[in-house]
Amino acid sequence: MQLAYTILYVQNVEQTLTFYETAFDLKRKMLHESGDYGELDTGATTLSFSSLELMKNMGKNPRSQRAGNPSFEIAFTTTDVERALKKALAAGAELVQGPQDMPWGQTTAFVNDANGFLVEICTPIGDA
């Protein structure tokens, strides 16, 4: 088995793709013509977004993310957490926690994205 993609449910897929492109320098793989599904290239695993409306139409019962009450996080690695954090904040991310050095040798910072999803910006583990 290999993790192929993760799908987050959002109000507006195109706006979310644009936010991630601007905030985290990710590249858009595709946006379906309906606007209800899109993907970003993040390397081996695709980060995808689906509209809440599409999921409702498919018989699912999705919930919007609530900032401050996360049930998971997305993590992006970088060698310059401070620079990446500033870029994300300038794009509209909300600061949750500034850069901190962890005992295991990693530097981490946290923001909420435009939908309230928790995003970790961190150095790779072991790159202290």
N, C-alpha and C. Protein backbone atom coordinates (compact mmCIF):
# COMPACT_ATOMS: atom_id res chain seq x y z
N MET A 1 0.83 -1.18 0.00
CA MET A 1 0.00 0.00 0.00
C MET A 1 0.87 1.24 0.00
N GLN A 2 0.36 2.29 -0.60
CA GLN A 2 1.04 3.57 -0.62
C GLN A 2 -0.02 4.66 -0.51
N LEU A 3 0.24 5.65 0.33
CA LEU A 3 -0.69 6.77 0.46
C LEU A 3 -0.66 7.58 -0.82
N ALA A 4 -1.77 7.68 -1.51
CA ALA A 4 -1.84 8.37 -2.79
C ALA A 4 -2.26 9.83 -2.64
N TYR A 5 -3.30 10.07 -1.83
CA TYR A 5 -3.77 11.44 -1.67
C TYR A 5 -4.58 11.59 -0.40
N THR A 6 -4.68 12.81 0.03
CA THR A 6 -5.53 13.20 1.14
C THR A 6 -6.51 14.23 0.60
N ILE A 7 -7.78 14.12 0.96
CA ILE A 7 -8.79 15.07 0.49
C ILE A 7 -9.36 15.83 1.69
N LEU A 8 -9.31 17.15 1.61
CA LEU A 8 -9.92 18.00 2.63
C LEU A 8 -11.19 18.60 2.04
N TYR A 9 -12.23 18.67 2.85
CA TYR A 9 -13.51 19.21 2.40
C TYR A 9 -13.58 20.69 2.72
N VAL A 10 -13.84 21.50 1.71
CA VAL A 10 -13.80 22.96 1.85
C VAL A 10 -15.00 23.60 1.17
N GLN A 11 -15.27 24.83 1.53
CA GLN A 11 -16.37 25.58 0.89
C GLN A 11 -16.05 25.90 -0.56
N ASN A 12 -14.83 26.40 -0.82
CA ASN A 12 -14.48 26.86 -2.15
C ASN A 12 -13.13 26.26 -2.56
N VAL A 13 -13.16 25.32 -3.48
CA VAL A 13 -11.95 24.60 -3.88
C VAL A 13 -10.96 25.52 -4.57
N GLU A 14 -11.41 26.33 -5.52
CA GLU A 14 -10.48 27.19 -6.26
C GLU A 14 -9.80 28.20 -5.35
N GLN A 15 -10.54 28.81 -4.44
CA GLN A 15 -9.92 29.75 -3.49
C GLN A 15 -8.91 29.03 -2.60
N THR A 16 -9.22 27.81 -2.21
CA THR A 16 -8.30 27.05 -1.37
C THR A 16 -7.02 26.71 -2.13
N LEU A 17 -7.15 26.28 -3.38
CA LEU A 17 -5.97 26.00 -4.19
C LEU A 17 -5.09 27.25 -4.31
N THR A 18 -5.71 28.38 -4.58
CA THR A 18 -4.97 29.64 -4.72
C THR A 18 -4.27 29.99 -3.42
N PHE A 19 -4.94 29.80 -2.29
CA PHE A 19 -4.32 30.07 -0.99
C PHE A 19 -3.07 29.22 -0.81
N TYR A 20 -3.16 27.92 -1.05
CA TYR A 20 -2.02 27.02 -0.86
C TYR A 20 -0.88 27.31 -1.85
N GLU A 21 -1.24 27.71 -3.06
CA GLU A 21 -0.21 28.10 -4.03
C GLU A 21 0.56 29.33 -3.52
N THR A 22 -0.16 30.30 -3.01
CA THR A 22 0.45 31.54 -2.53
C THR A 22 1.16 31.35 -1.20
N ALA A 23 0.52 30.68 -0.26
CA ALA A 23 1.06 30.56 1.10
C ALA A 23 2.21 29.58 1.20
N PHE A 24 2.18 28.49 0.43
CA PHE A 24 3.14 27.41 0.61
C PHE A 24 3.90 27.04 -0.66
N ASP A 25 3.78 27.85 -1.71
CA ASP A 25 4.50 27.63 -2.98
C ASP A 25 4.19 26.28 -3.62
N LEU A 26 3.00 25.76 -3.42
CA LEU A 26 2.62 24.49 -4.05
C LEU A 26 2.12 24.75 -5.47
N LYS A 27 2.22 23.75 -6.30
CA LYS A 27 1.79 23.85 -7.69
C LYS A 27 0.48 23.10 -7.90
N ARG A 28 -0.42 23.75 -8.62
CA ARG A 28 -1.72 23.16 -8.92
C ARG A 28 -1.55 22.05 -9.95
N LYS A 29 -2.10 20.86 -9.63
CA LYS A 29 -2.11 19.76 -10.60
C LYS A 29 -3.34 19.88 -11.49
N MET A 30 -4.46 20.18 -10.85
CA MET A 30 -5.69 20.27 -11.63
C MET A 30 -6.82 20.86 -10.80
N LEU A 31 -7.79 21.43 -11.50
CA LEU A 31 -9.07 21.85 -10.93
C LEU A 31 -10.13 21.37 -11.89
N HIS A 32 -11.04 20.52 -11.42
CA HIS A 32 -12.10 20.00 -12.28
C HIS A 32 -12.95 21.17 -12.77
N GLU A 33 -13.47 21.04 -13.98
CA GLU A 33 -14.27 22.12 -14.58
C GLU A 33 -15.49 22.50 -13.72
N SER A 34 -15.97 21.59 -12.89
CA SER A 34 -17.10 21.89 -12.01
C SER A 34 -16.69 22.82 -10.87
N GLY A 35 -15.37 22.85 -10.58
CA GLY A 35 -14.88 23.63 -9.45
C GLY A 35 -15.02 22.91 -8.12
N ASP A 36 -15.52 21.68 -8.15
CA ASP A 36 -15.77 20.94 -6.92
C ASP A 36 -14.64 20.04 -6.48
N TYR A 37 -13.57 19.93 -7.27
CA TYR A 37 -12.45 19.08 -6.89
C TYR A 37 -11.18 19.62 -7.52
N GLY A 38 -10.11 19.63 -6.72
CA GLY A 38 -8.82 20.07 -7.24
C GLY A 38 -7.69 19.40 -6.49
N GLU A 39 -6.50 19.44 -7.10
CA GLU A 39 -5.33 18.79 -6.52
C GLU A 39 -4.11 19.70 -6.59
N LEU A 40 -3.23 19.53 -5.60
CA LEU A 40 -1.94 20.21 -5.56
C LEU A 40 -0.84 19.17 -5.59
N ASP A 41 0.25 19.48 -6.26
CA ASP A 41 1.41 18.59 -6.32
C ASP A 41 2.27 18.86 -5.09
N THR A 42 2.41 17.87 -4.23
CA THR A 42 3.24 18.01 -3.02
C THR A 42 4.35 16.97 -2.99
N GLY A 43 4.59 16.32 -4.10
CA GLY A 43 5.59 15.26 -4.14
C GLY A 43 4.91 13.92 -4.33
N ALA A 44 5.24 12.95 -3.49
CA ALA A 44 4.72 11.59 -3.64
C ALA A 44 3.23 11.49 -3.34
N THR A 45 2.73 12.33 -2.45
CA THR A 45 1.32 12.29 -2.06
C THR A 45 0.63 13.56 -2.52
N THR A 46 -0.53 13.42 -3.12
CA THR A 46 -1.29 14.57 -3.61
C THR A 46 -2.16 15.13 -2.50
N LEU A 47 -2.18 16.44 -2.37
CA LEU A 47 -3.10 17.12 -1.46
C LEU A 47 -4.29 17.56 -2.29
N SER A 48 -5.47 17.05 -1.96
CA SER A 48 -6.67 17.30 -2.74
C SER A 48 -7.72 18.02 -1.90
N PHE A 49 -8.63 18.69 -2.60
CA PHE A 49 -9.72 19.39 -1.96
C PHE A 49 -11.01 19.09 -2.70
N SER A 50 -12.06 18.85 -1.95
CA SER A 50 -13.37 18.62 -2.52
C SER A 50 -14.35 19.56 -1.84
N SER A 51 -15.32 20.03 -2.60
CA SER A 51 -16.29 20.94 -2.00
C SER A 51 -17.20 20.19 -1.04
N LEU A 52 -17.60 20.88 0.00
CA LEU A 52 -18.58 20.31 0.94
C LEU A 52 -19.87 19.95 0.20
N GLU A 53 -20.23 20.79 -0.76
CA GLU A 53 -21.47 20.57 -1.52
C GLU A 53 -21.41 19.26 -2.30
N LEU A 54 -20.28 18.99 -2.96
CA LEU A 54 -20.15 17.74 -3.70
C LEU A 54 -20.28 16.54 -2.77
N MET A 55 -19.64 16.61 -1.61
CA MET A 55 -19.71 15.50 -0.66
C MET A 55 -21.14 15.29 -0.17
N LYS A 56 -21.86 16.38 0.06
CA LYS A 56 -23.27 16.26 0.46
C LYS A 56 -24.08 15.59 -0.64
N ASN A 57 -23.82 15.99 -1.90
CA ASN A 57 -24.54 15.40 -3.04
C ASN A 57 -24.21 13.93 -3.23
N MET A 58 -23.07 13.49 -2.71
CA MET A 58 -22.67 12.08 -2.82
C MET A 58 -23.15 11.26 -1.62
N GLY A 59 -23.95 11.89 -0.75
CA GLY A 59 -24.52 11.17 0.38
C GLY A 59 -23.64 11.13 1.61
N LYS A 60 -22.56 11.91 1.60
CA LYS A 60 -21.68 11.99 2.77
C LYS A 60 -22.24 13.05 3.72
N ASN A 61 -21.73 13.12 4.90
CA ASN A 61 -22.18 14.12 5.87
C ASN A 61 -20.96 14.91 6.37
N PRO A 62 -20.35 15.71 5.47
CA PRO A 62 -19.12 16.40 5.86
C PRO A 62 -19.39 17.56 6.81
N ARG A 63 -18.35 17.89 7.57
CA ARG A 63 -18.41 19.06 8.46
C ARG A 63 -17.31 20.02 8.05
N SER A 64 -17.56 21.29 8.25
CA SER A 64 -16.51 22.29 8.04
C SER A 64 -15.52 22.17 9.19
N GLN A 65 -14.27 22.48 8.89
CA GLN A 65 -13.22 22.48 9.92
C GLN A 65 -13.47 23.65 10.88
N ARG A 66 -13.19 23.43 12.16
CA ARG A 66 -13.32 24.49 13.15
C ARG A 66 -11.93 24.86 13.65
N ALA A 67 -11.49 26.07 13.32
CA ALA A 67 -10.19 26.54 13.80
C ALA A 67 -10.18 26.49 15.32
N GLY A 68 -9.06 26.09 15.88
CA GLY A 68 -8.93 26.00 17.33
C GLY A 68 -9.37 24.67 17.90
N ASN A 69 -9.94 23.79 17.05
CA ASN A 69 -10.38 22.49 17.50
C ASN A 69 -10.01 21.43 16.46
N PRO A 70 -8.71 21.32 16.15
CA PRO A 70 -8.30 20.43 15.06
C PRO A 70 -8.42 18.96 15.43
N SER A 71 -8.68 18.16 14.40
CA SER A 71 -8.68 16.71 14.58
C SER A 71 -7.49 16.08 13.85
N PHE A 72 -6.73 16.89 13.10
CA PHE A 72 -5.53 16.44 12.41
C PHE A 72 -4.76 17.68 11.98
N GLU A 73 -3.58 17.46 11.41
CA GLU A 73 -2.81 18.56 10.85
C GLU A 73 -2.15 18.12 9.56
N ILE A 74 -1.84 19.09 8.73
CA ILE A 74 -1.04 18.90 7.53
C ILE A 74 0.33 19.45 7.89
N ALA A 75 1.40 18.81 7.47
CA ALA A 75 2.74 19.31 7.76
C ALA A 75 3.54 19.47 6.47
N PHE A 76 4.18 20.63 6.33
CA PHE A 76 5.07 20.92 5.22
C PHE A 76 6.47 21.13 5.78
N THR A 77 7.46 20.48 5.18
CA THR A 77 8.83 20.66 5.64
C THR A 77 9.55 21.70 4.79
N THR A 78 10.47 22.39 5.46
CA THR A 78 11.28 23.44 4.83
C THR A 78 12.56 23.59 5.63
N THR A 79 13.58 24.14 5.02
CA THR A 79 14.81 24.42 5.76
C THR A 79 14.76 25.78 6.42
N ASP A 80 13.74 26.61 6.08
CA ASP A 80 13.63 27.96 6.64
C ASP A 80 12.21 28.20 7.14
N VAL A 81 11.94 27.75 8.36
CA VAL A 81 10.60 27.84 8.94
C VAL A 81 10.16 29.30 9.06
N GLU A 82 11.05 30.17 9.50
CA GLU A 82 10.71 31.59 9.69
C GLU A 82 10.24 32.22 8.39
N ARG A 83 10.98 32.01 7.31
CA ARG A 83 10.60 32.57 6.01
C ARG A 83 9.27 32.00 5.53
N ALA A 84 9.11 30.69 5.65
CA ALA A 84 7.87 30.03 5.21
C ALA A 84 6.68 30.51 6.03
N LEU A 85 6.89 30.71 7.33
CA LEU A 85 5.81 31.21 8.19
C LEU A 85 5.40 32.62 7.77
N LYS A 86 6.36 33.48 7.52
CA LYS A 86 6.05 34.86 7.09
C LYS A 86 5.25 34.85 5.79
N LYS A 87 5.64 33.99 4.85
CA LYS A 87 4.93 33.90 3.57
C LYS A 87 3.49 33.43 3.77
N ALA A 88 3.31 32.43 4.62
CA ALA A 88 1.95 31.92 4.89
C ALA A 88 1.09 32.99 5.55
N LEU A 89 1.65 33.70 6.50
CA LEU A 89 0.89 34.76 7.18
C LEU A 89 0.52 35.88 6.21
N ALA A 90 1.44 36.23 5.32
CA ALA A 90 1.16 37.27 4.33
C ALA A 90 0.05 36.85 3.37
N ALA A 91 -0.10 35.54 3.16
CA ALA A 91 -1.14 35.02 2.28
C ALA A 91 -2.49 34.90 2.98
N GLY A 92 -2.52 35.16 4.29
CA GLY A 92 -3.78 35.11 5.01
C GLY A 92 -3.92 34.01 6.03
N ALA A 93 -2.87 33.22 6.23
CA ALA A 93 -2.92 32.20 7.29
C ALA A 93 -2.98 32.88 8.64
N GLU A 94 -3.53 32.19 9.62
CA GLU A 94 -3.66 32.72 10.98
C GLU A 94 -2.63 32.03 11.87
N LEU A 95 -1.83 32.82 12.58
CA LEU A 95 -0.80 32.27 13.45
C LEU A 95 -1.42 31.50 14.62
N VAL A 96 -0.94 30.29 14.82
CA VAL A 96 -1.34 29.48 15.97
C VAL A 96 -0.17 29.41 16.96
N GLN A 97 1.04 29.18 16.43
CA GLN A 97 2.23 29.09 17.28
C GLN A 97 3.45 29.44 16.44
N GLY A 98 4.25 30.35 16.94
CA GLY A 98 5.47 30.74 16.26
C GLY A 98 6.51 29.64 16.32
N PRO A 99 7.65 29.83 15.64
CA PRO A 99 8.69 28.81 15.59
C PRO A 99 9.20 28.42 16.97
N GLN A 100 9.34 27.12 17.17
CA GLN A 100 9.88 26.57 18.41
C GLN A 100 10.80 25.41 18.07
N ASP A 101 11.90 25.31 18.80
CA ASP A 101 12.82 24.19 18.63
C ASP A 101 12.35 23.05 19.51
N MET A 102 12.15 21.88 18.91
CA MET A 102 11.67 20.71 19.62
C MET A 102 12.84 19.88 20.13
N PRO A 103 12.65 19.13 21.21
CA PRO A 103 13.73 18.32 21.78
C PRO A 103 14.29 17.28 20.82
N TRP A 104 13.54 16.87 19.83
CA TRP A 104 13.99 15.84 18.89
C TRP A 104 14.72 16.45 17.70
N GLY A 105 15.01 17.78 17.75
CA GLY A 105 15.84 18.41 16.74
C GLY A 105 15.10 19.04 15.58
N GLN A 106 13.83 19.26 15.73
CA GLN A 106 13.02 19.84 14.67
C GLN A 106 12.55 21.22 15.10
N THR A 107 12.44 22.15 14.17
CA THR A 107 11.83 23.45 14.42
C THR A 107 10.43 23.42 13.83
N THR A 108 9.43 23.83 14.61
CA THR A 108 8.04 23.78 14.15
C THR A 108 7.35 25.12 14.38
N ALA A 109 6.38 25.41 13.53
CA ALA A 109 5.46 26.53 13.69
C ALA A 109 4.11 26.05 13.19
N PHE A 110 3.03 26.69 13.63
CA PHE A 110 1.69 26.26 13.24
C PHE A 110 0.84 27.46 12.83
N VAL A 111 0.04 27.25 11.79
CA VAL A 111 -0.94 28.25 11.35
C VAL A 111 -2.25 27.53 11.06
N ASN A 112 -3.32 28.29 11.00
CA ASN A 112 -4.58 27.81 10.44
C ASN A 112 -4.65 28.31 9.02
N ASP A 113 -5.07 27.45 8.09
CA ASP A 113 -5.22 27.89 6.71
C ASP A 113 -6.52 28.68 6.57
N ALA A 114 -6.85 29.06 5.36
CA ALA A 114 -8.04 29.89 5.12
C ALA A 114 -9.35 29.19 5.47
N ASN A 115 -9.31 27.86 5.65
CA ASN A 115 -10.50 27.09 6.01
C ASN A 115 -10.51 26.69 7.48
N GLY A 116 -9.45 27.02 8.21
CA GLY A 116 -9.37 26.64 9.61
C GLY A 116 -8.60 25.35 9.86
N PHE A 117 -8.03 24.73 8.81
CA PHE A 117 -7.23 23.52 8.99
C PHE A 117 -5.88 23.88 9.59
N LEU A 118 -5.42 23.06 10.52
CA LEU A 118 -4.13 23.27 11.16
C LEU A 118 -3.01 22.82 10.23
N VAL A 119 -2.04 23.71 10.01
CA VAL A 119 -0.90 23.42 9.14
C VAL A 119 0.38 23.62 9.94
N GLU A 120 1.21 22.59 9.95
CA GLU A 120 2.52 22.69 10.59
C GLU A 120 3.55 23.03 9.52
N ILE A 121 4.40 23.98 9.83
CA ILE A 121 5.54 24.34 8.97
C ILE A 121 6.76 23.94 9.79
N CYS A 122 7.57 23.02 9.27
CA CYS A 122 8.65 22.47 10.10
C CYS A 122 9.86 22.07 9.28
N THR A 123 10.98 21.97 9.99
CA THR A 123 12.17 21.40 9.37
C THR A 123 12.00 19.89 9.36
N PRO A 124 12.67 19.22 8.42
CA PRO A 124 12.63 17.76 8.48
C PRO A 124 13.20 17.27 9.81
N ILE A 125 12.68 16.19 10.31
CA ILE A 125 13.19 15.64 11.58
C ILE A 125 14.65 15.27 11.39
N GLY A 126 15.47 15.71 12.34
CA GLY A 126 16.89 15.44 12.29
C GLY A 126 17.72 16.50 11.62
N ASP A 127 17.08 17.58 11.10
CA ASP A 127 17.80 18.66 10.44
C ASP A 127 17.98 19.87 11.35
N ALA A 128 18.32 19.65 12.60
CA ALA A 128 18.49 20.75 13.55
C ALA A 128 19.71 21.56 13.19
